[in-house]
Amino acid sequence: MLNKVVIFGVGLIGGSFARALKQAGMVGSVVGMGRSAASLARAQELGIIDVIGSDMGQAMQGADLVLLAAPVAQTEAILSALAPHLQPGTVVTDAGSTKSDVVAAAQRALGAKLAQFVPGHPIAGRETNGPDAAIADLYVGKKVVLTPLPENSAADVETVAAAWRACHAIIHRLSAEEHDKVFAAVSHLPHLLAYALVDDIANKPHADLLFQYAASGFRDFTRIAGSSPEMWRDISLANQTALLTELDAYLAQLTGLRARLAAGDGAALEGIYSNAQRARHQWISAIEAAEQPPAQDQAE
């Protein structure tokens, strides 16, 4: 039981975390902190948070767990602001989509209190934002990757893991570097591509005509372009090195595809398409086979 949880950012990610903990009966009081008074008021109106935090010292007083669910570029400023008020026994975690930059920010901001920060990343989301988008079952059956620091105690890591398990998430562990390389490929690059495609279509002189005939394939491919531009700007820049590596590899793939298309090499195109189809079928089958969460944490 967490008597008091403080959440910085009460939108989709932070709000859903609060809703899930409340539904599980795992939290006594949730304090919301953030830049937008309107979002905080709406979160309180919806019952996501119990108290709007206006004073950092008061908000942090007696907190068991603090979640940073704000854009990653705000991490260092938030940690610097809360550091003087961080009491022994309070565990801080985050929900950022990049980890190496977050760890570096924590090292600078927390100093001797670094051990109380356990980095994390819930692998869940929707294309909608704000408190109204928050749902209690967002994390059910979804992975949460923790990237514990050498300084972290096992008990503090377990505090964070237990909170996410109360949301019915499945805990995985990676190093910060491994995390950023993996998600550059399977999350950050797809978002970049979706934004780029929609922006390209929107800037064409006959965009209205194109959007008129865009159907389910276009909708499915570009769904994630409905996500927060601010958040994905920060993620792209924070994971710049790994994302550039994946983007260069993808550009090489596109160049190869273009050459085969220009040459009219149908067999080569079909081979690439078939390999992609097989890989996707295998991936979906693996997801379906793992629908029932295992009893214990998974290590990667």
Protein backbone atom coordinates (compact mmCIF):
# COMPACT_ATOMS: atom_id res chain seq x y z
CA MET A 1 0.00 0.00 0.00
CA LEU A 2 1.34 3.41 -1.01
CA ASN A 3 0.02 6.06 1.33
CA LYS A 4 0.95 8.96 -0.92
CA VAL A 5 1.96 9.12 -4.58
CA VAL A 6 3.04 12.32 -6.33
CA ILE A 7 2.67 12.48 -10.10
CA PHE A 8 4.28 15.11 -12.30
CA GLY A 9 2.17 15.15 -15.45
CA VAL A 10 -1.44 14.02 -15.04
CA GLY A 11 -2.24 13.25 -18.67
CA LEU A 12 -2.49 9.89 -20.39
CA ILE A 13 0.53 8.18 -18.80
CA GLY A 14 0.47 9.67 -15.32
CA GLY A 15 -3.31 9.79 -15.15
CA SER A 16 -3.67 6.16 -16.18
CA PHE A 17 -1.08 5.16 -13.56
CA ALA A 18 -3.10 6.96 -10.89
CA ARG A 19 -6.38 5.44 -12.07
CA ALA A 20 -4.90 1.93 -12.08
CA LEU A 21 -3.43 2.28 -8.59
CA LYS A 22 -6.73 3.59 -7.26
CA GLN A 23 -8.67 0.78 -8.92
CA ALA A 24 -6.28 -1.74 -7.33
CA GLY A 25 -6.72 -0.11 -3.90
CA MET A 26 -2.97 0.44 -3.76
CA VAL A 27 -2.81 4.15 -2.97
CA GLY A 28 -4.21 6.37 -0.26
CA SER A 29 -3.74 9.79 -1.82
CA VAL A 30 -2.52 11.05 -5.21
CA VAL A 31 -1.03 14.52 -5.53
CA GLY A 32 -0.85 15.99 -9.02
CA MET A 33 1.85 18.41 -10.15
CA GLY A 34 2.28 20.05 -13.54
CA ARG A 35 2.56 23.14 -15.71
CA SER A 36 -1.10 23.38 -16.69
CA ALA A 37 -3.56 24.52 -14.03
CA ALA A 38 -6.41 23.52 -16.35
CA SER A 39 -5.09 19.95 -16.71
CA LEU A 40 -4.62 19.63 -12.96
CA ALA A 41 -8.12 20.91 -12.29
CA ARG A 42 -9.56 18.52 -14.85
CA ALA A 43 -7.63 15.60 -13.35
CA GLN A 44 -9.03 16.43 -9.92
CA GLU A 45 -12.53 16.80 -11.35
CA LEU A 46 -12.22 13.34 -12.93
CA GLY A 47 -10.99 11.80 -9.68
CA ILE A 48 -7.56 11.00 -11.09
CA ILE A 49 -5.81 13.00 -8.39
CA ASP A 50 -6.98 13.91 -4.92
CA VAL A 51 -4.89 17.02 -4.37
CA ILE A 52 -3.40 19.65 -6.68
CA GLY A 53 0.14 20.28 -5.54
CA SER A 54 1.00 23.96 -5.36
CA ASP A 55 4.02 23.79 -3.06
CA MET A 56 6.87 21.37 -3.81
CA GLY A 57 7.87 20.87 -0.18
CA GLN A 58 4.32 20.15 0.90
CA ALA A 59 3.69 17.84 -2.05
CA MET A 60 6.81 15.78 -1.32
CA GLN A 61 6.18 15.57 2.43
CA GLY A 62 5.53 11.93 3.32
CA ALA A 63 5.48 10.73 -0.31
CA ASP A 64 6.16 7.03 -0.81
CA LEU A 65 6.52 7.18 -4.59
CA VAL A 66 7.00 9.95 -7.15
CA LEU A 67 6.34 9.40 -10.87
CA LEU A 68 7.65 11.77 -13.52
CA ALA A 69 5.24 11.48 -16.45
CA ALA A 70 6.20 14.75 -18.13
CA PRO A 71 8.10 15.12 -21.44
CA VAL A 72 11.68 13.89 -21.04
CA ALA A 73 13.15 17.35 -21.66
CA GLN A 74 11.59 18.47 -18.35
CA THR A 75 13.18 15.66 -16.32
CA GLU A 76 16.23 17.52 -15.03
CA ALA A 77 14.28 20.63 -14.06
CA ILE A 78 11.71 18.59 -12.13
CA LEU A 79 14.34 16.50 -10.36
CA SER A 80 16.32 19.62 -9.47
CA ALA A 81 13.20 21.22 -7.99
CA LEU A 82 12.24 18.21 -5.91
CA ALA A 83 15.76 17.21 -4.81
CA PRO A 84 15.90 19.52 -1.75
CA HIS A 85 12.59 18.08 -0.56
CA LEU A 86 13.38 14.42 -1.29
CA GLN A 87 13.13 12.57 2.01
CA PRO A 88 14.72 9.23 2.90
CA GLY A 89 12.31 6.46 2.01
CA THR A 90 10.75 8.26 -0.96
CA VAL A 91 11.36 6.50 -4.27
CA VAL A 92 11.32 8.45 -7.53
CA THR A 93 10.75 6.90 -10.95
CA ASP A 94 9.88 8.11 -14.42
CA ALA A 95 7.95 7.08 -17.51
CA GLY A 96 10.25 8.55 -20.13
CA SER A 97 10.68 6.87 -23.51
CA THR A 98 14.46 7.42 -23.39
CA LYS A 99 16.71 6.37 -20.58
CA SER A 100 20.37 7.34 -21.06
CA ASP A 101 19.56 11.05 -21.06
CA VAL A 102 17.21 10.61 -18.10
CA VAL A 103 19.91 8.84 -16.10
CA ALA A 104 22.38 11.62 -16.91
CA ALA A 105 19.82 14.23 -15.84
CA ALA A 106 19.21 12.38 -12.58
CA GLN A 107 22.92 12.19 -11.87
CA ARG A 108 23.25 15.95 -12.27
CA ALA A 109 20.08 16.88 -10.40
CA LEU A 110 20.04 14.43 -7.50
CA GLY A 111 23.69 14.01 -6.66
CA ALA A 112 23.99 12.03 -3.43
CA LYS A 113 20.28 11.15 -3.61
CA LEU A 114 20.64 9.38 -6.97
CA ALA A 115 20.05 5.98 -5.35
CA GLN A 116 16.42 6.95 -4.76
CA PHE A 117 15.75 7.27 -8.52
CA VAL A 118 14.72 4.11 -10.39
CA PRO A 119 14.37 4.77 -14.16
CA GLY A 120 11.41 3.18 -15.93
CA HIS A 121 9.40 3.19 -19.15
CA PRO A 122 5.85 1.83 -19.56
CA ILE A 123 5.35 0.49 -23.09
CA ALA A 124 1.81 1.65 -23.56
CA GLY A 125 0.00 4.61 -25.03
CA ARG A 126 -2.82 5.98 -27.11
CA GLU A 127 -2.97 8.67 -29.75
CA THR A 128 -4.96 10.91 -27.42
CA ASN A 129 -3.53 13.12 -24.67
CA GLY A 130 -4.53 14.83 -21.46
CA PRO A 131 -6.42 13.76 -18.34
CA ASP A 132 -9.51 12.79 -20.33
CA ALA A 133 -7.45 10.18 -22.17
CA ALA A 134 -6.39 8.42 -18.94
CA ILE A 135 -7.85 4.94 -18.44
CA ALA A 136 -7.38 2.45 -15.62
CA ASP A 137 -6.60 -0.51 -17.90
CA LEU A 138 -3.96 1.16 -20.11
CA TYR A 139 -1.17 -0.99 -18.67
CA VAL A 140 -2.96 -4.33 -18.42
CA GLY A 141 -0.71 -6.96 -19.97
CA LYS A 142 1.73 -4.29 -21.20
CA LYS A 143 5.48 -4.27 -20.59
CA VAL A 144 7.18 -1.82 -18.27
CA VAL A 145 10.94 -1.69 -18.73
CA LEU A 146 12.98 -0.80 -15.67
CA THR A 147 16.61 0.21 -16.11
CA PRO A 148 17.88 0.08 -12.51
CA LEU A 149 21.04 1.94 -11.53
CA PRO A 150 23.94 0.31 -9.67
CA GLU A 151 23.12 2.68 -6.81
CA ASN A 152 19.53 1.47 -6.45
CA SER A 153 18.60 -0.81 -3.58
CA ALA A 154 16.67 -3.96 -4.37
CA ALA A 155 13.87 -2.73 -2.11
CA ASP A 156 13.46 0.54 -4.04
CA VAL A 157 13.43 -1.26 -7.38
CA GLU A 158 10.79 -3.59 -5.99
CA THR A 159 8.69 -0.63 -4.82
CA VAL A 160 8.53 0.64 -8.40
CA ALA A 161 7.99 -2.84 -9.86
CA ALA A 162 5.19 -3.56 -7.38
CA ALA A 163 3.40 -0.34 -8.28
CA TRP A 164 3.46 -1.25 -11.97
CA ARG A 165 2.39 -4.83 -11.22
CA ALA A 166 -0.60 -3.34 -9.38
CA CYS A 167 -1.45 -1.79 -12.77
CA HIS A 168 -1.29 -5.36 -14.18
CA ALA A 169 1.84 -4.59 -16.19
CA ILE A 170 4.67 -7.05 -16.86
CA ILE A 171 8.10 -6.02 -15.62
CA HIS A 172 11.19 -6.29 -17.85
CA ARG A 173 14.71 -5.09 -17.20
CA LEU A 174 17.31 -3.64 -19.58
CA SER A 175 20.29 -1.38 -19.26
CA ALA A 176 19.69 2.25 -20.24
CA GLU A 177 21.87 1.85 -23.35
CA GLU A 178 20.12 -1.34 -24.44
CA HIS A 179 16.76 0.31 -23.90
CA ASP A 180 17.55 3.29 -26.10
CA LYS A 181 18.90 1.16 -28.96
CA VAL A 182 15.88 -1.14 -28.90
CA PHE A 183 13.28 1.61 -28.80
CA ALA A 184 15.02 3.70 -31.44
CA ALA A 185 14.27 0.81 -33.81
CA VAL A 186 10.79 -0.28 -32.79
CA SER A 187 9.21 2.91 -31.44
CA HIS A 188 11.05 6.13 -32.15
CA LEU A 189 11.73 5.43 -35.84
CA PRO A 190 8.09 4.38 -36.54
CA HIS A 191 6.85 7.60 -34.96
CA LEU A 192 9.28 9.65 -37.05
CA LEU A 193 8.10 7.86 -40.21
CA ALA A 194 4.42 8.35 -39.40
CA TYR A 195 4.87 12.05 -38.73
CA ALA A 196 6.94 12.44 -41.90
CA LEU A 197 4.36 10.74 -44.11
CA VAL A 198 1.40 12.76 -42.81
CA ASP A 199 3.40 15.98 -43.03
CA ASP A 200 4.37 15.15 -46.62
CA ILE A 201 0.76 14.48 -47.62
CA ALA A 202 -0.50 17.58 -45.78
CA ASN A 203 1.96 19.82 -47.64
CA LYS A 204 0.97 18.65 -51.12
CA PRO A 205 -1.19 21.06 -53.15
CA HIS A 206 -3.88 18.40 -53.52
CA ALA A 207 -3.79 17.29 -49.87
CA ASP A 208 -7.56 17.50 -49.48
CA LEU A 209 -8.05 15.07 -52.34
CA LEU A 210 -5.46 12.66 -50.95
CA PHE A 211 -6.93 12.66 -47.45
CA GLN A 212 -10.40 12.15 -48.96
CA TYR A 213 -9.35 8.77 -50.31
CA ALA A 214 -7.00 7.71 -47.51
CA ALA A 215 -8.53 4.60 -45.94
CA SER A 216 -7.74 2.03 -43.26
CA GLY A 217 -4.19 1.27 -44.38
CA PHE A 218 -3.18 4.92 -44.18
CA ARG A 219 -5.06 5.34 -40.90
CA ASP A 220 -3.35 2.34 -39.30
CA PHE A 221 0.13 3.30 -40.51
CA THR A 222 -0.20 6.89 -39.34
CA ARG A 223 -2.18 6.41 -36.10
CA ILE A 224 0.82 7.29 -33.95
CA ALA A 225 1.20 10.64 -35.71
CA GLY A 226 -1.72 11.72 -33.54
CA SER A 227 0.54 11.60 -30.47
CA SER A 228 1.93 14.63 -28.65
CA PRO A 229 4.34 16.56 -30.93
CA GLU A 230 6.12 18.07 -27.92
CA MET A 231 6.72 14.67 -26.36
CA TRP A 232 8.03 13.15 -29.58
CA ARG A 233 10.22 16.15 -30.34
CA ASP A 234 11.88 15.61 -26.96
CA ILE A 235 12.20 11.85 -27.46
CA SER A 236 13.71 12.26 -30.93
CA LEU A 237 16.35 14.70 -29.70
CA ALA A 238 17.05 12.79 -26.50
CA ASN A 239 17.74 9.56 -28.42
CA GLN A 240 19.36 11.32 -31.36
CA THR A 241 22.37 9.02 -31.83
CA ALA A 242 20.48 5.73 -31.78
CA LEU A 243 17.64 7.17 -33.85
CA LEU A 244 20.04 8.47 -36.53
CA THR A 245 21.58 5.00 -36.74
CA GLU A 246 18.19 3.41 -37.32
CA LEU A 247 17.13 6.13 -39.75
CA ASP A 248 20.28 5.63 -41.83
CA ALA A 249 19.61 1.88 -41.97
CA TYR A 250 16.03 2.53 -43.05
CA LEU A 251 17.14 5.00 -45.72
CA ALA A 252 19.47 2.29 -47.08
CA GLN A 253 16.53 -0.12 -47.16
CA LEU A 254 14.40 2.42 -49.04
CA THR A 255 17.23 3.07 -51.50
CA GLY A 256 17.44 -0.66 -52.18
CA LEU A 257 13.69 -0.91 -52.64
CA ARG A 258 13.70 2.03 -55.02
CA ALA A 259 16.43 0.44 -57.13
CA ARG A 260 14.47 -2.81 -57.39
CA LEU A 261 11.28 -0.95 -58.23
CA ALA A 262 13.05 1.14 -60.89
CA ALA A 263 14.51 -2.03 -62.37
CA GLY A 264 11.11 -3.71 -62.43
CA ASP A 265 12.52 -6.54 -60.30
CA GLY A 266 9.26 -8.06 -59.11
CA ALA A 267 10.91 -11.17 -57.68
CA ALA A 268 13.18 -9.12 -55.42
CA LEU A 269 10.29 -6.95 -54.25
CA GLU A 270 8.18 -10.00 -53.49
CA GLY A 271 11.05 -11.54 -51.57
CA ILE A 272 11.32 -8.48 -49.31
CA TYR A 273 7.56 -8.31 -48.86
CA SER A 274 7.38 -12.04 -48.06
CA ASN A 275 10.16 -11.84 -45.51
CA ALA A 276 8.43 -8.89 -43.84
CA GLN A 277 5.11 -10.74 -43.84
CA ARG A 278 6.65 -13.84 -42.21
CA ALA A 279 8.41 -11.76 -39.58
CA ARG A 280 5.23 -9.88 -38.74
CA HIS A 281 3.17 -13.08 -38.50
CA GLN A 282 5.77 -14.57 -36.14
CA TRP A 283 5.76 -11.43 -34.04
CA ILE A 284 1.96 -11.39 -33.76
CA SER A 285 1.92 -15.11 -32.90
CA ALA A 286 4.45 -14.50 -30.13
CA ILE A 287 2.31 -11.68 -28.73
CA GLU A 288 -0.80 -13.87 -28.76
CA ALA A 289 1.08 -16.72 -27.07
CA ALA A 290 2.16 -14.37 -24.29
CA GLU A 291 -1.27 -12.86 -23.63
CA GLN A 292 -1.35 -14.42 -20.19
CA PRO A 293 1.18 -12.51 -18.02
CA PRO A 294 3.82 -14.77 -16.42
CA ALA A 295 3.89 -15.09 -12.66
CA GLN A 296 7.34 -13.60 -12.31
CA ASP A 297 9.28 -10.74 -13.85
CA GLN A 298 11.01 -11.29 -17.15
CA ALA A 299 14.67 -10.42 -17.61
CA GLU A 300 16.06 -9.46 -21.00
